[in-house]
PDB file of N, CA and C in Angstrom:
ATOM      1  N   MET A   1      -8.512 -35.165  47.464  1.00  0.00           N
ATOM      2  CA  MET A   1      -7.286 -34.565  47.978  1.00  0.00           C
ATOM      3  C   MET A   1      -6.826 -33.491  47.006  1.00  0.00           C
ATOM      4  N   LYS A   2      -6.318 -32.398  47.563  1.00  0.00           N
ATOM      5  CA  LYS A   2      -5.753 -31.321  46.768  1.00  0.00           C
ATOM      6  C   LYS A   2      -4.240 -31.388  46.819  1.00  0.00           C
ATOM      7  N   THR A   3      -3.629 -31.031  45.689  1.00  0.00           N
ATOM      8  CA  THR A   3      -2.191 -30.832  45.642  1.00  0.00           C
ATOM      9  C   THR A   3      -1.977 -29.392  45.209  1.00  0.00           C
ATOM     10  N   ILE A   4      -1.466 -28.591  46.126  1.00  0.00           N
ATOM     11  CA  ILE A   4      -1.297 -27.157  45.906  1.00  0.00           C
ATOM     12  C   ILE A   4       0.178 -26.874  45.677  1.00  0.00           C
ATOM     13  N   ALA A   5       0.478 -26.156  44.590  1.00  0.00           N
ATOM     14  CA  ALA A   5       1.871 -25.879  44.234  1.00  0.00           C
ATOM     15  C   ALA A   5       2.161 -24.382  44.292  1.00  0.00           C
ATOM     16  N   PHE A   6       3.367 -24.080  44.751  1.00  0.00           N
ATOM     17  CA  PHE A   6       3.865 -22.708  44.808  1.00  0.00           C
ATOM     18  C   PHE A   6       5.224 -22.641  44.133  1.00  0.00           C
ATOM     19  N   PRO A   7       5.433 -21.716  43.175  1.00  0.00           N
ATOM     20  CA  PRO A   7       6.776 -21.514  42.639  1.00  0.00           C
ATOM     21  C   PRO A   7       7.665 -20.970  43.749  1.00  0.00           C
ATOM     22  N   PHE A   8       8.869 -21.451  43.838  1.00  0.00           N
ATOM     23  CA  PHE A   8       9.724 -21.198  44.998  1.00  0.00           C
ATOM     24  C   PHE A   8      11.127 -20.847  44.516  1.00  0.00           C
ATOM     25  N   LYS A   9      11.720 -19.820  45.133  1.00  0.00           N
ATOM     26  CA  LYS A   9      13.094 -19.431  44.799  1.00  0.00           C
ATOM     27  C   LYS A   9      13.685 -18.711  46.004  1.00  0.00           C
ATOM     28  N   GLU A  10      14.882 -19.085  46.360  1.00  0.00           N
ATOM     29  CA  GLU A  10      15.610 -18.445  47.462  1.00  0.00           C
ATOM     30  C   GLU A  10      14.790 -18.434  48.753  1.00  0.00           C
ATOM     31  N   ASN A  11      14.202 -19.581  49.079  1.00  0.00           N
ATOM     32  CA  ASN A  11      13.453 -19.784  50.325  1.00  0.00           C
ATOM     33  C   ASN A  11      12.194 -18.943  50.465  1.00  0.00           C
ATOM     34  N   LYS A  12      11.592 -18.538  49.357  1.00  0.00           N
ATOM     35  CA  LYS A  12      10.334 -17.785  49.428  1.00  0.00           C
ATOM     36  C   LYS A  12       9.568 -17.957  48.117  1.00  0.00           C
ATOM     37  N   LEU A  13       8.343 -17.458  48.087  1.00  0.00           N
ATOM     38  CA  LEU A  13       7.535 -17.474  46.878  1.00  0.00           C
ATOM     39  C   LEU A  13       8.288 -16.732  45.785  1.00  0.00           C
ATOM     40  N   SER A  14       8.402 -17.356  44.631  1.00  0.00           N
ATOM     41  CA  SER A  14       9.092 -16.742  43.500  1.00  0.00           C
ATOM     42  C   SER A  14       8.207 -15.664  42.886  1.00  0.00           C
ATOM     43  N   LEU A  15       8.806 -14.566  42.489  1.00  0.00           N
ATOM     44  CA  LEU A  15       8.041 -13.508  41.834  1.00  0.00           C
ATOM     45  C   LEU A  15       7.560 -13.927  40.458  1.00  0.00           C
ATOM     46  N   HIS A  16       8.262 -14.858  39.824  1.00  0.00           N
ATOM     47  CA  HIS A  16       7.898 -15.272  38.478  1.00  0.00           C
ATOM     48  C   HIS A  16       7.907 -16.793  38.351  1.00  0.00           C
ATOM     49  N   PHE A  17       6.797 -17.313  37.923  1.00  0.00           N
ATOM     50  CA  PHE A  17       6.582 -18.750  37.740  1.00  0.00           C
ATOM     51  C   PHE A  17       7.719 -19.419  36.974  1.00  0.00           C
ATOM     52  N   GLY A  18       8.085 -18.881  35.823  1.00  0.00           N
ATOM     53  CA  GLY A  18       9.059 -19.509  34.942  1.00  0.00           C
ATOM     54  C   GLY A  18      10.497 -19.412  35.402  1.00  0.00           C
ATOM     55  N   LEU A  19      10.770 -18.602  36.416  1.00  0.00           N
ATOM     56  CA  LEU A  19      12.135 -18.452  36.918  1.00  0.00           C
ATOM     57  C   LEU A  19      12.330 -19.136  38.260  1.00  0.00           C
ATOM     58  N   SER A  20      11.404 -19.964  38.640  1.00  0.00           N
ATOM     59  CA  SER A  20      11.482 -20.674  39.914  1.00  0.00           C
ATOM     60  C   SER A  20      12.545 -21.750  39.861  1.00  0.00           C
ATOM     61  N   SER A  21      13.240 -21.917  40.973  1.00  0.00           N
ATOM     62  CA  SER A  21      14.223 -23.001  41.057  1.00  0.00           C
ATOM     63  C   SER A  21      13.585 -24.290  41.574  1.00  0.00           C
ATOM     64  N   HIS A  22      12.505 -24.129  42.347  1.00  0.00           N
ATOM     65  CA  HIS A  22      11.817 -25.251  42.982  1.00  0.00           C
ATOM     66  C   HIS A  22      10.311 -24.975  42.995  1.00  0.00           C
ATOM     67  N   PHE A  23       9.564 -25.981  43.325  1.00  0.00           N
ATOM     68  CA  PHE A  23       8.146 -25.813  43.651  1.00  0.00           C
ATOM     69  C   PHE A  23       7.914 -26.502  44.981  1.00  0.00           C
ATOM     70  N   LYS A  24       7.136 -25.838  45.819  1.00  0.00           N
ATOM     71  CA  LYS A  24       6.746 -26.443  47.082  1.00  0.00           C
ATOM     72  C   LYS A  24       5.316 -26.936  46.925  1.00  0.00           C
ATOM     73  N   PHE A  25       5.112 -28.196  47.272  1.00  0.00           N
ATOM     74  CA  PHE A  25       3.810 -28.841  47.152  1.00  0.00           C
ATOM     75  C   PHE A  25       3.231 -29.078  48.539  1.00  0.00           C
ATOM     76  N   TYR A  26       1.951 -28.764  48.671  1.00  0.00           N
ATOM     77  CA  TYR A  26       1.202 -29.053  49.892  1.00  0.00           C
ATOM     78  C   TYR A  26       0.114 -30.058  49.509  1.00  0.00           C
ATOM     79  N   PHE A  27       0.027 -31.133  50.262  1.00  0.00           N
ATOM     80  CA  PHE A  27      -0.972 -32.160  50.019  1.00  0.00           C
ATOM     81  C   PHE A  27      -2.031 -32.050  51.109  1.00  0.00           C
ATOM     82  N   GLU A  28      -3.257 -31.731  50.703  1.00  0.00           N
ATOM     83  CA  GLU A  28      -4.338 -31.423  51.642  1.00  0.00           C
ATOM     84  C   GLU A  28      -5.489 -32.398  51.476  1.00  0.00           C
ATOM     85  N   LYS A  29      -6.070 -32.777  52.589  1.00  0.00           N
ATOM     86  CA  LYS A  29      -7.291 -33.595  52.577  1.00  0.00           C
ATOM     87  C   LYS A  29      -8.156 -33.179  53.753  1.00  0.00           C
ATOM     88  N   ASN A  30      -9.404 -32.898  53.462  1.00  0.00           N
ATOM     89  CA  ASN A  30     -10.379 -32.496  54.491  1.00  0.00           C
ATOM     90  C   ASN A  30      -9.888 -31.315  55.332  1.00  0.00           C
ATOM     91  N   GLY A  31      -9.247 -30.351  54.680  1.00  0.00           N
ATOM     92  CA  GLY A  31      -8.799 -29.143  55.375  1.00  0.00           C
ATOM     93  C   GLY A  31      -7.505 -29.273  56.139  1.00  0.00           C
ATOM     94  N   LYS A  32      -6.868 -30.434  56.080  1.00  0.00           N
ATOM     95  CA  LYS A  32      -5.615 -30.651  56.810  1.00  0.00           C
ATOM     96  C   LYS A  32      -4.475 -30.915  55.844  1.00  0.00           C
ATOM     97  N   ILE A  33      -3.333 -30.329  56.140  1.00  0.00           N
ATOM     98  CA  ILE A  33      -2.137 -30.574  55.349  1.00  0.00           C
ATOM     99  C   ILE A  33      -1.537 -31.898  55.801  1.00  0.00           C
ATOM    100  N   LEU A  34      -1.474 -32.849  54.879  1.00  0.00           N
ATOM    101  CA  LEU A  34      -0.941 -34.170  55.197  1.00  0.00           C
ATOM    102  C   LEU A  34       0.577 -34.189  55.130  1.00  0.00           C
ATOM    103  N   LYS A  35       1.122 -33.483  54.136  1.00  0.00           N
ATOM    104  CA  LYS A  35       2.575 -33.399  53.994  1.00  0.00           C
ATOM    105  C   LYS A  35       2.922 -32.288  53.030  1.00  0.00           C
ATOM    106  N   THR A  36       4.193 -31.920  53.010  1.00  0.00           N
ATOM    107  CA  THR A  36       4.713 -30.960  52.047  1.00  0.00           C
ATOM    108  C   THR A  36       5.925 -31.582  51.378  1.00  0.00           C
ATOM    109  N   GLU A  37       6.251 -31.057  50.215  1.00  0.00           N
ATOM    110  CA  GLU A  37       7.401 -31.567  49.477  1.00  0.00           C
ATOM    111  C   GLU A  37       7.996 -30.416  48.666  1.00  0.00           C
ATOM    112  N   LEU A  38       9.299 -30.283  48.680  1.00  0.00           N
ATOM    113  CA  LEU A  38      10.008 -29.265  47.907  1.00  0.00           C
ATOM    114  C   LEU A  38      10.822 -29.982  46.838  1.00  0.00           C
ATOM    115  N   LEU A  39      10.490 -29.693  45.567  1.00  0.00           N
ATOM    116  CA  LEU A  39      11.167 -30.371  44.466  1.00  0.00           C
ATOM    117  C   LEU A  39      11.801 -29.367  43.511  1.00  0.00           C
ATOM    118  N   PRO A  40      12.993 -29.654  43.009  1.00  0.00           N
ATOM    119  CA  PRO A  40      13.606 -28.772  42.020  1.00  0.00           C
ATOM    120  C   PRO A  40      12.858 -28.849  40.693  1.00  0.00           C
ATOM    121  N   VAL A  41      12.820 -27.738  40.002  1.00  0.00           N
ATOM    122  CA  VAL A  41      12.214 -27.692  38.674  1.00  0.00           C
ATOM    123  C   VAL A  41      13.099 -28.513  37.729  1.00  0.00           C
ATOM    124  N   PRO A  42      12.519 -29.427  36.960  1.00  0.00           N
ATOM    125  CA  PRO A  42      13.345 -30.273  36.102  1.00  0.00           C
ATOM    126  C   PRO A  42      14.016 -29.520  34.960  1.00  0.00           C
ATOM    127  N   ALA A  43      13.430 -28.427  34.522  1.00  0.00           N
ATOM    128  CA  ALA A  43      14.015 -27.619  33.446  1.00  0.00           C
ATOM    129  C   ALA A  43      13.533 -26.188  33.599  1.00  0.00           C
ATOM    130  N   GLN A  44      14.439 -25.251  33.450  1.00  0.00           N
ATOM    131  CA  GLN A  44      14.068 -23.837  33.597  1.00  0.00           C
ATOM    132  C   GLN A  44      13.469 -23.306  32.296  1.00  0.00           C
ATOM    133  N   GLN A  45      12.430 -23.981  31.804  1.00  0.00           N
ATOM    134  CA  GLN A  45      11.733 -23.558  30.602  1.00  0.00           C
ATOM    135  C   GLN A  45      10.254 -23.456  30.924  1.00  0.00           C
ATOM    136  N   PRO A  46       9.700 -22.236  30.870  1.00  0.00           N
ATOM    137  CA  PRO A  46       8.311 -22.035  31.270  1.00  0.00           C
ATOM    138  C   PRO A  46       7.315 -22.960  30.582  1.00  0.00           C
ATOM    139  N   ASP A  47       7.553 -23.351  29.326  1.00  0.00           N
ATOM    140  CA  ASP A  47       6.599 -24.213  28.633  1.00  0.00           C
ATOM    141  C   ASP A  47       6.610 -25.641  29.162  1.00  0.00           C
ATOM    142  N   LEU A  48       7.702 -26.067  29.771  1.00  0.00           N
ATOM    143  CA  LEU A  48       7.783 -27.428  30.300  1.00  0.00           C
ATOM    144  C   LEU A  48       7.225 -27.539  31.717  1.00  0.00           C
ATOM    145  N   ILE A  49       7.273 -26.452  32.469  1.00  0.00           N
ATOM    146  CA  ILE A  49       6.836 -26.478  33.860  1.00  0.00           C
ATOM    147  C   ILE A  49       5.355 -26.853  33.996  1.00  0.00           C
ATOM    148  N   PRO A  50       4.433 -26.276  33.184  1.00  0.00           N
ATOM    149  CA  PRO A  50       3.027 -26.670  33.349  1.00  0.00           C
ATOM    150  C   PRO A  50       2.803 -28.176  33.187  1.00  0.00           C
ATOM    151  N   ASN A  51       3.459 -28.790  32.222  1.00  0.00           N
ATOM    152  CA  ASN A  51       3.284 -30.228  32.022  1.00  0.00           C
ATOM    153  C   ASN A  51       3.849 -31.036  33.186  1.00  0.00           C
ATOM    154  N   TRP A  52       4.936 -30.567  33.758  1.00  0.00           N
ATOM    155  CA  TRP A  52       5.502 -31.214  34.946  1.00  0.00           C
ATOM    156  C   TRP A  52       4.512 -31.143  36.106  1.00  0.00           C
ATOM    157  N   LEU A  53       3.885 -29.960  36.296  1.00  0.00           N
ATOM    158  CA  LEU A  53       2.896 -29.813  37.369  1.00  0.00           C
ATOM    159  C   LEU A  53       1.678 -30.702  37.127  1.00  0.00           C
ATOM    160  N   ILE A  54       1.258 -30.808  35.868  1.00  0.00           N
ATOM    161  CA  ILE A  54       0.139 -31.693  35.513  1.00  0.00           C
ATOM    162  C   ILE A  54       0.495 -33.133  35.880  1.00  0.00           C
ATOM    163  N   ASP A  55       1.708 -33.559  35.521  1.00  0.00           N
ATOM    164  CA  ASP A  55       2.163 -34.919  35.839  1.00  0.00           C
ATOM    165  C   ASP A  55       2.232 -35.163  37.345  1.00  0.00           C
ATOM    166  N   LYS A  56       2.468 -34.108  38.123  1.00  0.00           N
ATOM    167  CA  LYS A  56       2.545 -34.224  39.583  1.00  0.00           C
ATOM    168  C   LYS A  56       1.157 -34.253  40.229  1.00  0.00           C
ATOM    169  N   GLY A  57       0.104 -34.078  39.436  1.00  0.00           N
ATOM    170  CA  GLY A  57      -1.246 -34.138  39.975  1.00  0.00           C
ATOM    171  C   GLY A  57      -1.693 -32.861  40.683  1.00  0.00           C
ATOM    172  N   VAL A  58      -1.093 -31.738  40.325  1.00  0.00           N
ATOM    173  CA  VAL A  58      -1.442 -30.462  40.956  1.00  0.00           C
ATOM    174  C   VAL A  58      -2.904 -30.116  40.656  1.00  0.00           C
ATOM    175  N   THR A  59      -3.606 -29.652  41.679  1.00  0.00           N
ATOM    176  CA  THR A  59      -4.993 -29.206  41.524  1.00  0.00           C
ATOM    177  C   THR A  59      -5.102 -27.693  41.590  1.00  0.00           C
ATOM    178  N   ASP A  60      -4.145 -27.057  42.290  1.00  0.00           N
ATOM    179  CA  ASP A  60      -4.168 -25.607  42.480  1.00  0.00           C
ATOM    180  C   ASP A  60      -2.743 -25.069  42.409  1.00  0.00           C
ATOM    181  N   LEU A  61      -2.578 -23.940  41.731  1.00  0.00           N
ATOM    182  CA  LEU A  61      -1.295 -23.248  41.662  1.00  0.00           C
ATOM    183  C   LEU A  61      -1.487 -21.844  42.206  1.00  0.00           C
ATOM    184  N   VAL A  62      -0.617 -21.451  43.116  1.00  0.00           N
ATOM    185  CA  VAL A  62      -0.646 -20.099  43.682  1.00  0.00           C
ATOM    186  C   VAL A  62       0.659 -19.425  43.293  1.00  0.00           C
ATOM    187  N   ALA A  63       0.566 -18.261  42.629  1.00  0.00           N
ATOM    188  CA  ALA A  63       1.762 -17.592  42.119  1.00  0.00           C
ATOM    189  C   ALA A  63       1.628 -16.078  42.218  1.00  0.00           C
ATOM    190  N   ALA A  64       2.774 -15.422  42.245  1.00  0.00           N
ATOM    191  CA  ALA A  64       2.784 -13.966  42.170  1.00  0.00           C
ATOM    192  C   ALA A  64       2.591 -13.547  40.718  1.00  0.00           C
ATOM    193  N   GLY A  65       3.442 -14.059  39.821  1.00  0.00           N
ATOM    194  CA  GLY A  65       3.359 -13.725  38.410  1.00  0.00           C
ATOM    195  C   GLY A  65       3.549 -14.939  37.538  1.00  0.00           C
ATOM    196  N   ILE A  66       2.789 -14.990  36.447  1.00  0.00           N
ATOM    197  CA  ILE A  66       2.843 -16.126  35.519  1.00  0.00           C
ATOM    198  C   ILE A  66       2.345 -15.646  34.161  1.00  0.00           C
ATOM    199  N   GLY A  67       2.941 -16.150  33.102  1.00  0.00           N
ATOM    200  CA  GLY A  67       2.519 -15.783  31.751  1.00  0.00           C
ATOM    201  C   GLY A  67       1.174 -16.390  31.384  1.00  0.00           C
ATOM    202  N   LEU A  68       0.570 -15.836  30.344  1.00  0.00           N
ATOM    203  CA  LEU A  68      -0.753 -16.295  29.922  1.00  0.00           C
ATOM    204  C   LEU A  68      -0.738 -17.715  29.360  1.00  0.00           C
ATOM    205  N   LYS A  69       0.314 -18.091  28.640  1.00  0.00           N
ATOM    206  CA  LYS A  69       0.372 -19.432  28.053  1.00  0.00           C
ATOM    207  C   LYS A  69       0.361 -20.528  29.117  1.00  0.00           C
ATOM    208  N   PRO A  70       1.197 -20.429  30.177  1.00  0.00           N
ATOM    209  CA  PRO A  70       1.114 -21.448  31.232  1.00  0.00           C
ATOM    210  C   PRO A  70      -0.257 -21.490  31.910  1.00  0.00           C
ATOM    211  N   ILE A  71      -0.879 -20.338  32.096  1.00  0.00           N
ATOM    212  CA  ILE A  71      -2.220 -20.307  32.696  1.00  0.00           C
ATOM    213  C   ILE A  71      -3.194 -21.095  31.830  1.00  0.00           C
ATOM    214  N   GLU A  72      -3.144 -20.860  30.517  1.00  0.00           N
ATOM    215  CA  GLU A  72      -4.045 -21.565  29.599  1.00  0.00           C
ATOM    216  C   GLU A  72      -3.826 -23.077  29.660  1.00  0.00           C
ATOM    217  N   ILE A  73      -2.569 -23.506  29.651  1.00  0.00           N
ATOM    218  CA  ILE A  73      -2.263 -24.937  29.703  1.00  0.00           C
ATOM    219  C   ILE A  73      -2.807 -25.542  30.996  1.00  0.00           C
ATOM    220  N   LEU A  74      -2.555 -24.878  32.122  1.00  0.00           N
ATOM    221  CA  LEU A  74      -3.013 -25.393  33.415  1.00  0.00           C
ATOM    222  C   LEU A  74      -4.535 -25.414  33.492  1.00  0.00           C
ATOM    223  N   ASN A  75      -5.182 -24.355  33.021  1.00  0.00           N
ATOM    224  CA  ASN A  75      -6.641 -24.308  33.040  1.00  0.00           C
ATOM    225  C   ASN A  75      -7.262 -25.402  32.179  1.00  0.00           C
ATOM    226  N   GLN A  76      -6.622 -25.740  31.052  1.00  0.00           N
ATOM    227  CA  GLN A  76      -7.128 -26.812  30.186  1.00  0.00           C
ATOM    228  C   GLN A  76      -7.145 -28.155  30.912  1.00  0.00           C
ATOM    229  N   HIS A  77      -6.304 -28.282  31.928  1.00  0.00           N
ATOM    230  CA  HIS A  77      -6.243 -29.519  32.708  1.00  0.00           C
ATOM    231  C   HIS A  77      -6.962 -29.373  34.054  1.00  0.00           C
ATOM    232  N   LYS A  78      -7.854 -28.386  34.113  1.00  0.00           N
ATOM    233  CA  LYS A  78      -8.711 -28.172  35.292  1.00  0.00           C
ATOM    234  C   LYS A  78      -7.925 -27.821  36.550  1.00  0.00           C
ATOM    235  N   ILE A  79      -6.770 -27.174  36.374  1.00  0.00           N
ATOM    236  CA  ILE A  79      -5.974 -26.719  37.507  1.00  0.00           C
ATOM    237  C   ILE A  79      -6.359 -25.268  37.802  1.00  0.00           C
ATOM    238  N   ASN A  80      -6.733 -24.994  39.038  1.00  0.00           N
ATOM    239  CA  ASN A  80      -7.067 -23.636  39.459  1.00  0.00           C
ATOM    240  C   ASN A  80      -5.777 -22.839  39.584  1.00  0.00           C
ATOM    241  N   VAL A  81      -5.736 -21.646  38.983  1.00  0.00           N
ATOM    242  CA  VAL A  81      -4.551 -20.799  39.029  1.00  0.00           C
ATOM    243  C   VAL A  81      -4.911 -19.498  39.733  1.00  0.00           C
ATOM    244  N   PHE A  82      -4.196 -19.204  40.813  1.00  0.00           N
ATOM    245  CA  PHE A  82      -4.390 -17.987  41.589  1.00  0.00           C
ATOM    246  C   PHE A  82      -3.140 -17.130  41.405  1.00  0.00           C
ATOM    247  N   VAL A  83      -3.297 -15.940  40.840  1.00  0.00           N
ATOM    248  CA  VAL A  83      -2.132 -15.107  40.530  1.00  0.00           C
ATOM    249  C   VAL A  83      -2.224 -13.751  41.222  1.00  0.00           C
ATOM    250  N   GLY A  84      -1.045 -13.142  41.365  1.00  0.00           N
ATOM    251  CA  GLY A  84      -0.974 -11.819  41.975  1.00  0.00           C
ATOM    252  C   GLY A  84      -1.055 -11.855  43.491  1.00  0.00           C
ATOM    253  N   VAL A  85      -0.647 -12.961  44.093  1.00  0.00           N
ATOM    254  CA  VAL A  85      -0.694 -13.043  45.551  1.00  0.00           C
ATOM    255  C   VAL A  85       0.463 -12.258  46.157  1.00  0.00           C
ATOM    256  N   LYS A  86       0.247 -11.786  47.361  1.00  0.00           N
ATOM    257  CA  LYS A  86       1.282 -11.044  48.075  1.00  0.00           C
ATOM    258  C   LYS A  86       2.372 -11.987  48.562  1.00  0.00           C
ATOM    259  N   MET A  87       3.550 -11.430  48.699  1.00  0.00           N
ATOM    260  CA  MET A  87       4.692 -12.203  49.170  1.00  0.00           C
ATOM    261  C   MET A  87       4.529 -12.432  50.679  1.00  0.00           C
ATOM    262  N   LYS A  88       4.086 -13.629  51.026  1.00  0.00           N
ATOM    263  CA  LYS A  88       3.875 -14.011  52.414  1.00  0.00           C
ATOM    264  C   LYS A  88       4.480 -15.385  52.631  1.00  0.00           C
ATOM    265  N   ASP A  89       4.479 -15.794  53.875  1.00  0.00           N
ATOM    266  CA  ASP A  89       4.879 -17.146  54.227  1.00  0.00           C
ATOM    267  C   ASP A  89       3.960 -18.136  53.502  1.00  0.00           C
ATOM    268  N   LEU A  90       4.539 -19.183  52.917  1.00  0.00           N
ATOM    269  CA  LEU A  90       3.735 -20.138  52.157  1.00  0.00           C
ATOM    270  C   LEU A  90       2.691 -20.842  53.012  1.00  0.00           C
ATOM    271  N   ASN A  91       3.005 -21.116  54.265  1.00  0.00           N
ATOM    272  CA  ASN A  91       2.027 -21.751  55.151  1.00  0.00           C
ATOM    273  C   ASN A  91       0.804 -20.851  55.334  1.00  0.00           C
ATOM    274  N   GLU A  92       1.050 -19.548  55.419  1.00  0.00           N
ATOM    275  CA  GLU A  92      -0.057 -18.600  55.547  1.00  0.00           C
ATOM    276  C   GLU A  92      -0.875 -18.562  54.253  1.00  0.00           C
ATOM    277  N   LEU A  93      -0.206 -18.562  53.112  1.00  0.00           N
ATOM    278  CA  LEU A  93      -0.912 -18.536  51.831  1.00  0.00           C
ATOM    279  C   LEU A  93      -1.765 -19.785  51.620  1.00  0.00           C
ATOM    280  N   VAL A  94      -1.243 -20.943  51.975  1.00  0.00           N
ATOM    281  CA  VAL A  94      -2.016 -22.167  51.784  1.00  0.00           C
ATOM    282  C   VAL A  94      -3.226 -22.179  52.707  1.00  0.00           C
ATOM    283  N   ARG A  95      -3.070 -21.678  53.923  1.00  0.00           N
ATOM    284  CA  ARG A  95      -4.205 -21.607  54.841  1.00  0.00           C
ATOM    285  C   ARG A  95      -5.274 -20.665  54.286  1.00  0.00           C
ATOM    286  N   GLU A  96      -4.850 -19.517  53.751  1.00  0.00           N
ATOM    287  CA  GLU A  96      -5.801 -18.571  53.158  1.00  0.00           C
ATOM    288  C   GLU A  96      -6.534 -19.202  51.969  1.00  0.00           C
ATOM    289  N   LEU A  97      -5.815 -19.958  51.153  1.00  0.00           N
ATOM    290  CA  LEU A  97      -6.456 -20.618  50.025  1.00  0.00           C
ATOM    291  C   LEU A  97      -7.520 -21.595  50.515  1.00  0.00           C
ATOM    292  N   LEU A  98      -7.178 -22.384  51.515  1.00  0.00           N
ATOM    293  CA  LEU A  98      -8.099 -23.400  52.007  1.00  0.00           C
ATOM    294  C   LEU A  98      -9.312 -22.810  52.719  1.00  0.00           C
ATOM    295  N   ASP A  99      -9.119 -21.657  53.378  1.00  0.00           N
ATOM    296  CA  ASP A  99     -10.288 -21.077  54.066  1.00  0.00           C
ATOM    297  C   ASP A  99     -11.012 -20.015  53.241  1.00  0.00           C
ATOM    298  N   GLY A 100     -10.588 -19.842  51.975  1.00  0.00           N
ATOM    299  CA  GLY A 100     -11.299 -18.946  51.062  1.00  0.00           C
ATOM    300  C   GLY A 100     -10.997 -17.473  51.226  1.00  0.00           C
ATOM    301  N   THR A 101      -9.897 -17.130  51.891  1.00  0.00           N
ATOM    302  CA  THR A 101      -9.574 -15.722  52.099  1.00  0.00           C
ATOM    303  C   THR A 101      -8.339 -15.264  51.309  1.00  0.00           C
ATOM    304  N   LEU A 102      -7.829 -16.099  50.411  1.00  0.00           N
ATOM    305  CA  LEU A 102      -6.651 -15.739  49.627  1.00  0.00           C
ATOM    306  C   LEU A 102      -6.970 -14.548  48.738  1.00  0.00           C
ATOM    307  N   GLU A 103      -6.161 -13.509  48.850  1.00  0.00           N
ATOM    308  CA  GLU A 103      -6.345 -12.310  48.039  1.00  0.00           C
ATOM    309  C   GLU A 103      -5.411 -12.345  46.845  1.00  0.00           C
ATOM    310  N   THR A 104      -5.982 -12.032  45.672  1.00  0.00           N
ATOM    311  CA  THR A 104      -5.184 -11.924  44.459  1.00  0.00           C
ATOM    312  C   THR A 104      -5.335 -10.508  43.926  1.00  0.00           C
ATOM    313  N   ASN A 105      -4.293 -10.042  43.272  1.00  0.00           N
ATOM    314  CA  ASN A 105      -4.286  -8.677  42.750  1.00  0.00           C
ATOM    315  C   ASN A 105      -4.017  -8.643  41.261  1.00  0.00           C
ATOM    316  N   GLY A 106      -4.371  -9.669  40.552  1.00  0.00           N
ATOM    317  CA  GLY A 106      -4.066  -9.718  39.124  1.00  0.00           C
ATOM    318  C   GLY A 106      -2.662 -10.220  38.907  1.00  0.00           C
ATOM    319  N   ASN A 107      -2.353 -10.455  37.661  1.00  0.00           N
ATOM    320  CA  ASN A 107      -1.076 -11.053  37.297  1.00  0.00           C
ATOM    321  C   ASN A 107       0.051 -10.046  37.355  1.00  0.00           C
ATOM    322  N   LEU A 108       1.107 -10.379  38.075  1.00  0.00           N
ATOM    323  CA  LEU A 108       2.261  -9.498  38.162  1.00  0.00           C
ATOM    324  C   LEU A 108       3.249  -9.727  37.028  1.00  0.00           C
ATOM    325  N   CYS A 109       2.912 -10.598  36.089  1.00  0.00           N
ATOM    326  CA  CYS A 109       3.767 -10.877  34.935  1.00  0.00           C
ATOM    327  C   CYS A 109       3.110 -10.254  33.712  1.00  0.00           C
ATOM    328  N   ASP A 110       3.917  -9.661  32.844  1.00  0.00           N
ATOM    329  CA  ASP A 110       3.348  -8.912  31.718  1.00  0.00           C
ATOM    330  C   ASP A 110       3.365  -9.667  30.386  1.00  0.00           C
ATOM    331  N   HIS A 111       3.483 -10.998  30.407  1.00  0.00           N
ATOM    332  CA  HIS A 111       3.437 -11.731  29.133  1.00  0.00           C
ATOM    333  C   HIS A 111       2.604 -12.984  29.246  1.00  0.00           C
TER     334      HIS A 111
END
């Protein structure tokens, strides 16, 4: 089973990982979304968010922008990080990820 996380702010994909108010989680098995969950970020500190996602069992993170340090932490725990995605509906982004058509344009965050 995959647990896919998206940084979320003001009812859409957050432009910056560390400034997200929530994360939306999609739980997938055999190509089907079993459920979704929207959870508030426990602390607005970028260094704490990766560990929270690790504790949540995240397998994939899809973001517009994210710093290099969180990417390194997530990668060390075998979490796939997809950055530079276009601002689209999250349901569309998760479908693109699952069918292998998700487009990334590099990191939109400069640190």
